[in-house]
């Protein structure tokens, strides 16, 4: 059980580090950062939103 809890805490920490700019933009109300190119390849709905912003 302790291993699972440690694993989940590490995964949550990694998630927060990776998404820190998006979280900060959401909290402060500033503009969201552009998604990386690999997001656009694997998540098709992002292509529509990014093109609409241009």
PDB file of N, CA and C in Angstrom:
ATOM      1  N   UNK A   1       0.822  -1.195   0.000  1.00  0.00           N
ATOM      2  CA  UNK A   1       0.000   0.000   0.000  1.00  0.00           C
ATOM      3  C   UNK A   1       0.870   1.265   0.000  1.00  0.00           C
ATOM      4  N   UNK A   2       1.961   1.240   0.757  1.00  0.00           N
ATOM      5  CA  UNK A   2       2.847   2.400   0.800  1.00  0.00           C
ATOM      6  C   UNK A   2       3.506   2.632  -0.558  1.00  0.00           C
ATOM      7  N   UNK A   3       3.819   1.532  -1.245  1.00  0.00           N
ATOM      8  CA  UNK A   3       4.422   1.669  -2.579  1.00  0.00           C
ATOM      9  C   UNK A   3       3.472   2.354  -3.549  1.00  0.00           C
ATOM     10  N   UNK A   4       2.227   1.965  -3.489  1.00  0.00           N
ATOM     11  CA  UNK A   4       1.221   2.563  -4.370  1.00  0.00           C
ATOM     12  C   UNK A   4       1.058   4.052  -4.072  1.00  0.00           C
ATOM     13  N   UNK A   5       1.016   4.414  -2.816  1.00  0.00           N
ATOM     14  CA  UNK A   5       0.887   5.814  -2.435  1.00  0.00           C
ATOM     15  C   UNK A   5       2.096   6.625  -2.901  1.00  0.00           C
ATOM     16  N   UNK A   6       3.299   6.078  -2.725  1.00  0.00           N
ATOM     17  CA  UNK A   6       4.515   6.762  -3.189  1.00  0.00           C
ATOM     18  C   UNK A   6       4.492   6.930  -4.703  1.00  0.00           C
ATOM     19  N   UNK A   7       4.072   5.875  -5.397  1.00  0.00           N
ATOM     20  CA  UNK A   7       3.995   5.927  -6.855  1.00  0.00           C
ATOM     21  C   UNK A   7       3.021   7.010  -7.307  1.00  0.00           C
ATOM     22  N   UNK A   8       1.861   7.065  -6.678  1.00  0.00           N
ATOM     23  CA  UNK A   8       0.858   8.068  -7.041  1.00  0.00           C
ATOM     24  C   UNK A   8       1.350   9.478  -6.748  1.00  0.00           C
ATOM     25  N   UNK A   9       2.068   9.664  -5.661  1.00  0.00           N
ATOM     26  CA  UNK A   9       2.617  10.976  -5.342  1.00  0.00           C
ATOM     27  C   UNK A   9       3.673  11.397  -6.370  1.00  0.00           C
ATOM     28  N   UNK A  10       4.496  10.464  -6.795  1.00  0.00           N
ATOM     29  CA  UNK A  10       5.505  10.774  -7.817  1.00  0.00           C
ATOM     30  C   UNK A  10       4.834  11.141  -9.130  1.00  0.00           C
ATOM     31  N   UNK A  11       3.846  10.370  -9.529  1.00  0.00           N
ATOM     32  CA  UNK A  11       3.115  10.647 -10.773  1.00  0.00           C
ATOM     33  C   UNK A  11       2.423  12.008 -10.699  1.00  0.00           C
ATOM     34  N   UNK A  12       1.817  12.331  -9.557  1.00  0.00           N
ATOM     35  CA  UNK A  12       1.162  13.631  -9.393  1.00  0.00           C
ATOM     36  C   UNK A  12       2.185  14.760  -9.475  1.00  0.00           C
ATOM     37  N   UNK A  13       3.365  14.561  -8.876  1.00  0.00           N
ATOM     38  CA  UNK A  13       4.423  15.565  -8.945  1.00  0.00           C
ATOM     39  C   UNK A  13       4.899  15.781 -10.369  1.00  0.00           C
ATOM     40  N   UNK A  14       5.082  14.703 -11.110  1.00  0.00           N
ATOM     41  CA  UNK A  14       5.505  14.810 -12.510  1.00  0.00           C
ATOM     42  C   UNK A  14       4.446  15.549 -13.324  1.00  0.00           C
ATOM     43  N   UNK A  15       3.184  15.220 -13.098  1.00  0.00           N
ATOM     44  CA  UNK A  15       2.091  15.891 -13.793  1.00  0.00           C
ATOM     45  C   UNK A  15       2.114  17.396 -13.527  1.00  0.00           C
ATOM     46  N   UNK A  16       2.289  17.770 -12.262  1.00  0.00           N
ATOM     47  CA  UNK A  16       2.310  19.190 -11.905  1.00  0.00           C
ATOM     48  C   UNK A  16       3.509  19.912 -12.520  1.00  0.00           C
ATOM     49  N   UNK A  17       4.651  19.252 -12.566  1.00  0.00           N
ATOM     50  CA  UNK A  17       5.835  19.872 -13.168  1.00  0.00           C
ATOM     51  C   UNK A  17       5.634  20.062 -14.670  1.00  0.00           C
ATOM     52  N   UNK A  18       5.116  19.046 -15.326  1.00  0.00           N
ATOM     53  CA  UNK A  18       4.922  19.121 -16.780  1.00  0.00           C
ATOM     54  C   UNK A  18       3.894  20.187 -17.143  1.00  0.00           C
ATOM     55  N   UNK A  19       2.841  20.305 -16.367  1.00  0.00           N
ATOM     56  CA  UNK A  19       1.741  21.210 -16.705  1.00  0.00           C
ATOM     57  C   UNK A  19       1.778  22.532 -15.938  1.00  0.00           C
ATOM     58  N   UNK A  20       2.916  22.890 -15.377  1.00  0.00           N
ATOM     59  CA  UNK A  20       2.993  24.080 -14.522  1.00  0.00           C
ATOM     60  C   UNK A  20       2.605  25.359 -15.258  1.00  0.00           C
ATOM     61  N   UNK A  21       2.962  25.521 -16.530  1.00  0.00           N
ATOM     62  CA  UNK A  21       2.618  26.753 -17.253  1.00  0.00           C
ATOM     63  C   UNK A  21       1.121  26.829 -17.522  1.00  0.00           C
ATOM     64  N   UNK A  22       0.501  25.696 -17.823  1.00  0.00           N
ATOM     65  CA  UNK A  22      -0.942  25.669 -18.070  1.00  0.00           C
ATOM     66  C   UNK A  22      -1.703  25.942 -16.778  1.00  0.00           C
ATOM     67  N   UNK A  23      -1.252  25.335 -15.685  1.00  0.00           N
ATOM     68  CA  UNK A  23      -1.895  25.565 -14.391  1.00  0.00           C
ATOM     69  C   UNK A  23      -1.758  27.032 -14.001  1.00  0.00           C
ATOM     70  N   UNK A  24      -0.574  27.600 -14.188  1.00  0.00           N
ATOM     71  CA  UNK A  24      -0.356  29.007 -13.839  1.00  0.00           C
ATOM     72  C   UNK A  24      -1.243  29.924 -14.686  1.00  0.00           C
ATOM     73  N   UNK A  25      -1.371  29.627 -15.976  1.00  0.00           N
ATOM     74  CA  UNK A  25      -2.219  30.438 -16.848  1.00  0.00           C
ATOM     75  C   UNK A  25      -3.684  30.339 -16.419  1.00  0.00           C
ATOM     76  N   UNK A  26      -4.092  29.176 -16.001  1.00  0.00           N
ATOM     77  CA  UNK A  26      -5.480  28.991 -15.551  1.00  0.00           C
ATOM     78  C   UNK A  26      -5.734  29.752 -14.256  1.00  0.00           C
ATOM     79  N   UNK A  27      -4.782  29.723 -13.338  1.00  0.00           N
ATOM     80  CA  UNK A  27      -4.946  30.390 -12.046  1.00  0.00           C
ATOM     81  C   UNK A  27      -4.932  31.908 -12.202  1.00  0.00           C
ATOM     82  N   UNK A  28      -4.025  32.420 -13.030  1.00  0.00           N
ATOM     83  CA  UNK A  28      -3.878  33.869 -13.165  1.00  0.00           C
ATOM     84  C   UNK A  28      -4.795  34.472 -14.222  1.00  0.00           C
ATOM     85  N   UNK A  29      -5.400  33.633 -15.070  1.00  0.00           N
ATOM     86  CA  UNK A  29      -6.290  34.139 -16.107  1.00  0.00           C
ATOM     87  C   UNK A  29      -5.560  34.662 -17.328  1.00  0.00           C
ATOM     88  N   UNK A  30      -4.271  34.356 -17.459  1.00  0.00           N
ATOM     89  CA  UNK A  30      -3.522  34.787 -18.633  1.00  0.00           C
ATOM     90  C   UNK A  30      -3.740  33.810 -19.786  1.00  0.00           C
ATOM     91  N   UNK A  31      -3.152  34.137 -20.919  1.00  0.00           N
ATOM     92  CA  UNK A  31      -3.316  33.317 -22.116  1.00  0.00           C
ATOM     93  C   UNK A  31      -2.647  31.953 -21.940  1.00  0.00           C
ATOM     94  N   UNK A  32      -3.339  30.924 -22.406  1.00  0.00           N
ATOM     95  CA  UNK A  32      -2.788  29.568 -22.319  1.00  0.00           C
ATOM     96  C   UNK A  32      -1.614  29.420 -23.276  1.00  0.00           C
ATOM     97  N   UNK A  33      -0.588  28.668 -22.874  1.00  0.00           N
ATOM     98  CA  UNK A  33       0.533  28.435 -23.776  1.00  0.00           C
ATOM     99  C   UNK A  33       0.113  27.528 -24.934  1.00  0.00           C
ATOM    100  N   UNK A  34       0.818  27.654 -26.045  1.00  0.00           N
ATOM    101  CA  UNK A  34       0.535  26.805 -27.199  1.00  0.00           C
ATOM    102  C   UNK A  34       0.921  25.361 -26.896  1.00  0.00           C
ATOM    103  N   UNK A  35       0.118  24.401 -27.352  1.00  0.00           N
ATOM    104  CA  UNK A  35       0.470  22.999 -27.115  1.00  0.00           C
ATOM    105  C   UNK A  35       1.665  22.600 -27.988  1.00  0.00           C
ATOM    106  N   UNK A  36       2.460  21.639 -27.534  1.00  0.00           N
ATOM    107  CA  UNK A  36       3.582  21.171 -28.344  1.00  0.00           C
ATOM    108  C   UNK A  36       3.081  20.456 -29.599  1.00  0.00           C
ATOM    109  N   UNK A  37       3.963  20.299 -30.567  1.00  0.00           N
ATOM    110  CA  UNK A  37       3.578  19.701 -31.847  1.00  0.00           C
ATOM    111  C   UNK A  37       3.047  18.280 -31.693  1.00  0.00           C
ATOM    112  N   UNK A  38       3.620  17.491 -30.782  1.00  0.00           N
ATOM    113  CA  UNK A  38       3.158  16.109 -30.667  1.00  0.00           C
ATOM    114  C   UNK A  38       1.744  16.041 -30.124  1.00  0.00           C
ATOM    115  N   UNK A  39       1.299  17.037 -29.368  1.00  0.00           N
ATOM    116  CA  UNK A  39      -0.093  17.081 -28.922  1.00  0.00           C
ATOM    117  C   UNK A  39      -1.014  17.238 -30.130  1.00  0.00           C
ATOM    118  N   UNK A  40      -0.605  18.073 -31.069  1.00  0.00           N
ATOM    119  CA  UNK A  40      -1.433  18.334 -32.250  1.00  0.00           C
ATOM    120  C   UNK A  40      -1.574  17.082 -33.112  1.00  0.00           C
ATOM    121  N   UNK A  41      -0.549  16.220 -33.112  1.00  0.00           N
ATOM    122  CA  UNK A  41      -0.608  14.995 -33.905  1.00  0.00           C
ATOM    123  C   UNK A  41      -1.553  13.968 -33.287  1.00  0.00           C
ATOM    124  N   UNK A  42      -1.523  13.844 -31.971  1.00  0.00           N
ATOM    125  CA  UNK A  42      -2.274  12.792 -31.304  1.00  0.00           C
ATOM    126  C   UNK A  42      -3.635  13.225 -30.785  1.00  0.00           C
ATOM    127  N   UNK A  43      -3.880  14.534 -30.696  1.00  0.00           N
ATOM    128  CA  UNK A  43      -5.168  15.040 -30.214  1.00  0.00           C
ATOM    129  C   UNK A  43      -5.742  15.954 -31.298  1.00  0.00           C
ATOM    130  N   UNK A  44      -6.515  15.398 -32.228  1.00  0.00           N
ATOM    131  CA  UNK A  44      -6.978  16.150 -33.391  1.00  0.00           C
ATOM    132  C   UNK A  44      -7.795  17.400 -33.056  1.00  0.00           C
ATOM    133  N   UNK A  45      -8.535  17.404 -31.968  1.00  0.00           N
ATOM    134  CA  UNK A  45      -9.372  18.566 -31.663  1.00  0.00           C
ATOM    135  C   UNK A  45      -8.523  19.798 -31.351  1.00  0.00           C
ATOM    136  N   UNK A  46      -7.268  19.636 -30.985  1.00  0.00           N
ATOM    137  CA  UNK A  46      -6.400  20.785 -30.731  1.00  0.00           C
ATOM    138  C   UNK A  46      -6.071  21.533 -32.014  1.00  0.00           C
ATOM    139  N   UNK A  47      -6.027  20.844 -33.125  1.00  0.00           N
ATOM    140  CA  UNK A  47      -5.732  21.497 -34.399  1.00  0.00           C
ATOM    141  C   UNK A  47      -6.776  22.542 -34.730  1.00  0.00           C
ATOM    142  N   UNK A  48      -8.038  22.243 -34.461  1.00  0.00           N
ATOM    143  CA  UNK A  48      -9.118  23.196 -34.754  1.00  0.00           C
ATOM    144  C   UNK A  48      -8.986  24.438 -33.884  1.00  0.00           C
ATOM    145  N   UNK A  49      -8.713  24.258 -32.603  1.00  0.00           N
ATOM    146  CA  UNK A  49      -8.626  25.387 -31.687  1.00  0.00           C
ATOM    147  C   UNK A  49      -7.408  26.255 -31.982  1.00  0.00           C
ATOM    148  N   UNK A  50      -6.289  25.631 -32.318  1.00  0.00           N
ATOM    149  CA  UNK A  50      -5.067  26.388 -32.598  1.00  0.00           C
ATOM    150  C   UNK A  50      -5.240  27.180 -33.881  1.00  0.00           C
ATOM    151  N   UNK A  51      -5.862  26.579 -34.906  1.00  0.00           N
ATOM    152  CA  UNK A  51      -6.070  27.279 -36.172  1.00  0.00           C
ATOM    153  C   UNK A  51      -7.065  28.430 -36.000  1.00  0.00           C
ATOM    154  N   UNK A  52      -8.072  28.252 -35.139  1.00  0.00           N
ATOM    155  CA  UNK A  52      -9.043  29.305 -34.912  1.00  0.00           C
ATOM    156  C   UNK A  52      -8.405  30.517 -34.244  1.00  0.00           C
ATOM    157  N   UNK A  53      -7.402  30.295 -33.411  1.00  0.00           N
ATOM    158  CA  UNK A  53      -6.745  31.388 -32.702  1.00  0.00           C
ATOM    159  C   UNK A  53      -5.844  32.216 -33.630  1.00  0.00           C
ATOM    160  N   UNK A  54      -5.409  31.618 -34.731  1.00  0.00           N
ATOM    161  CA  UNK A  54      -4.492  32.330 -35.637  1.00  0.00           C
ATOM    162  C   UNK A  54      -5.184  33.305 -36.502  1.00  0.00           C
TER     163      UNK A  54
END
